[in-house]
Protein backbone atom coordinates (compact mmCIF):
# COMPACT_ATOMS: atom_id res chain seq x y z
CA UNK A 1 -5.18 184.46 83.51
CA UNK A 2 -1.49 183.74 84.00
CA UNK A 3 0.92 185.79 86.09
CA UNK A 4 4.61 185.52 85.22
CA UNK A 5 7.65 186.42 87.32
CA UNK A 6 11.20 186.28 85.97
CA UNK A 7 14.36 185.80 87.99
CA UNK A 8 18.00 184.94 87.47
CA UNK A 9 19.28 188.02 85.72
CA UNK A 10 22.47 189.75 86.73
CA UNK A 11 25.91 190.93 85.73
CA UNK A 12 28.21 188.42 84.08
CA UNK A 13 31.45 188.60 82.11
CA UNK A 14 31.54 187.78 78.44
CA UNK A 15 31.80 184.04 77.95
CA UNK A 16 29.90 183.34 81.13
CA UNK A 17 26.51 181.73 81.70
CA UNK A 18 23.19 182.62 83.25
CA UNK A 19 20.01 180.68 83.84
CA UNK A 20 16.82 182.71 83.72
CA UNK A 21 13.69 181.36 85.31
CA UNK A 22 10.04 182.22 84.87
CA UNK A 23 7.53 181.19 87.51
CA UNK A 24 3.87 181.19 86.61
CA UNK A 25 0.69 181.23 88.60
CA UNK A 26 -2.58 180.19 87.07
CA UNK A 27 -4.45 176.98 86.51
CA UNK A 28 -3.81 176.64 82.79
CA UNK A 29 -0.03 177.05 82.56
CA UNK A 30 0.45 173.85 80.57
CA UNK A 31 -2.03 175.05 77.93
CA UNK A 32 0.10 178.09 77.05
CA UNK A 33 2.98 178.22 74.65
CA UNK A 34 5.81 180.21 76.20
CA UNK A 35 8.50 182.50 74.97
CA UNK A 36 11.47 184.62 75.98
CA UNK A 37 12.00 188.07 74.54
CA UNK A 38 14.55 190.76 75.24
CA UNK A 39 14.76 194.50 74.86
CA UNK A 40 17.91 196.56 74.86
CA UNK A 41 17.85 200.34 75.41
CA UNK A 42 16.64 202.15 72.33
CA UNK A 43 15.73 198.94 70.54
CA UNK A 44 12.53 197.06 69.90
CA UNK A 45 11.60 193.98 71.86
CA UNK A 46 12.96 190.93 70.06
CA UNK A 47 12.31 187.23 70.09
CA UNK A 48 14.80 184.98 71.84
CA UNK A 49 13.21 181.54 72.14
CA UNK A 50 9.87 179.76 72.38
CA UNK A 51 8.61 176.41 73.59
CA UNK A 52 5.43 174.53 72.86
CA UNK A 53 2.84 173.55 75.44
CA UNK A 54 4.28 170.03 75.73
CA UNK A 55 7.87 171.20 75.72
CA UNK A 56 8.76 168.99 72.76
CA UNK A 57 9.05 171.81 70.24
CA UNK A 58 11.43 174.74 70.61
CA UNK A 59 12.59 177.60 68.45
CA UNK A 60 15.45 180.06 68.79
CA UNK A 61 16.55 183.34 67.31
CA UNK A 62 19.64 182.99 65.17
CA UNK A 63 21.49 185.30 67.55
CA UNK A 64 21.23 182.82 70.44
CA UNK A 65 20.95 179.49 68.63
CA UNK A 66 23.55 177.04 69.86
CA UNK A 67 24.19 179.10 73.00
CA UNK A 68 20.80 178.91 74.69
CA UNK A 69 18.36 176.25 75.80
CA UNK A 70 14.73 176.83 76.67
CA UNK A 71 12.86 174.34 78.83
CA UNK A 72 9.68 174.09 80.88
CA UNK A 73 8.36 172.00 83.72
CA UNK A 74 4.58 171.82 83.59
CA UNK A 75 4.47 170.04 86.95
CA UNK A 76 6.07 173.07 88.61
CA UNK A 77 4.67 175.80 86.34
CA UNK A 78 8.13 177.05 85.50
CA UNK A 79 10.18 177.83 82.42
CA UNK A 80 13.90 178.39 82.09
CA UNK A 81 16.37 179.82 79.65
CA UNK A 82 19.95 178.61 79.98
CA UNK A 83 22.31 181.02 78.27
CA UNK A 84 25.95 180.16 77.69
CA UNK A 85 28.87 181.89 76.00
CA UNK A 86 27.24 185.22 76.72
CA UNK A 87 28.25 188.25 74.67
CA UNK A 88 27.98 191.97 75.44
CA UNK A 89 25.28 192.21 72.77
CA UNK A 90 23.11 189.91 74.89
CA UNK A 91 22.72 192.76 77.37
CA UNK A 92 19.02 193.55 77.68
CA UNK A 93 15.96 193.19 79.85
CA UNK A 94 14.63 189.68 79.37
CA UNK A 95 10.91 188.96 79.50
CA UNK A 96 8.97 185.74 79.64
CA UNK A 97 5.62 185.58 77.92
CA UNK A 98 2.69 183.22 77.54
CA UNK A 99 0.47 182.66 74.52
CA UNK A 100 -3.00 181.34 75.31
CA UNK A 101 -3.97 180.76 71.69
CA UNK A 102 -1.12 178.74 70.27
CA UNK A 103 0.41 175.34 70.89
CA UNK A 104 3.83 176.23 69.50
CA UNK A 105 4.29 179.92 70.27
CA UNK A 106 5.52 182.51 67.83
CA UNK A 107 8.26 185.02 67.28
CA UNK A 108 6.20 188.21 67.42
CA UNK A 109 5.54 189.94 70.75
CA UNK A 110 1.98 190.61 69.64
CA UNK A 111 1.32 186.86 69.63
CA UNK A 112 1.64 186.70 73.42
CA UNK A 113 -1.03 187.55 75.93
CA UNK A 114 0.77 187.64 79.26
CA UNK A 115 4.13 189.12 80.23
CA UNK A 116 6.41 189.21 83.20
CA UNK A 117 8.03 192.36 84.53
CA UNK A 118 11.45 191.52 83.11
CA UNK A 119 14.88 190.76 84.51
CA UNK A 120 18.06 192.65 83.61
CA UNK A 121 20.97 190.78 82.04
CA UNK A 122 24.22 192.70 81.68
CA UNK A 123 27.25 191.15 79.99
CA UNK A 124 30.52 192.98 80.46
CA UNK A 125 33.35 192.76 77.95
């Protein structure tokens, strides 16, 4: 069992940056692939980024590629998402998630077993 808690969301102007964090509790954090997803009002939850158990492999949605960096620290049971050059269309609730069955993580929400409660990111134009 892994419990996830996100932080770092907020209101930022377009072009600004935010760093989202995800703190995990549980003895097997390093054995879980991790991911970030987001959900805007009236839209489905969508993939943002994922990172493998070791941290050596990452993947990004095209919409954030080149503007975001996912990382993890298995010694501290934390994961981060650095987002730069933010756009109004990045406005959403951001969720971190953990996949107990995969080394690399996936792009589908159904691949993940554990979820945080979400943190709101609002980008003003």
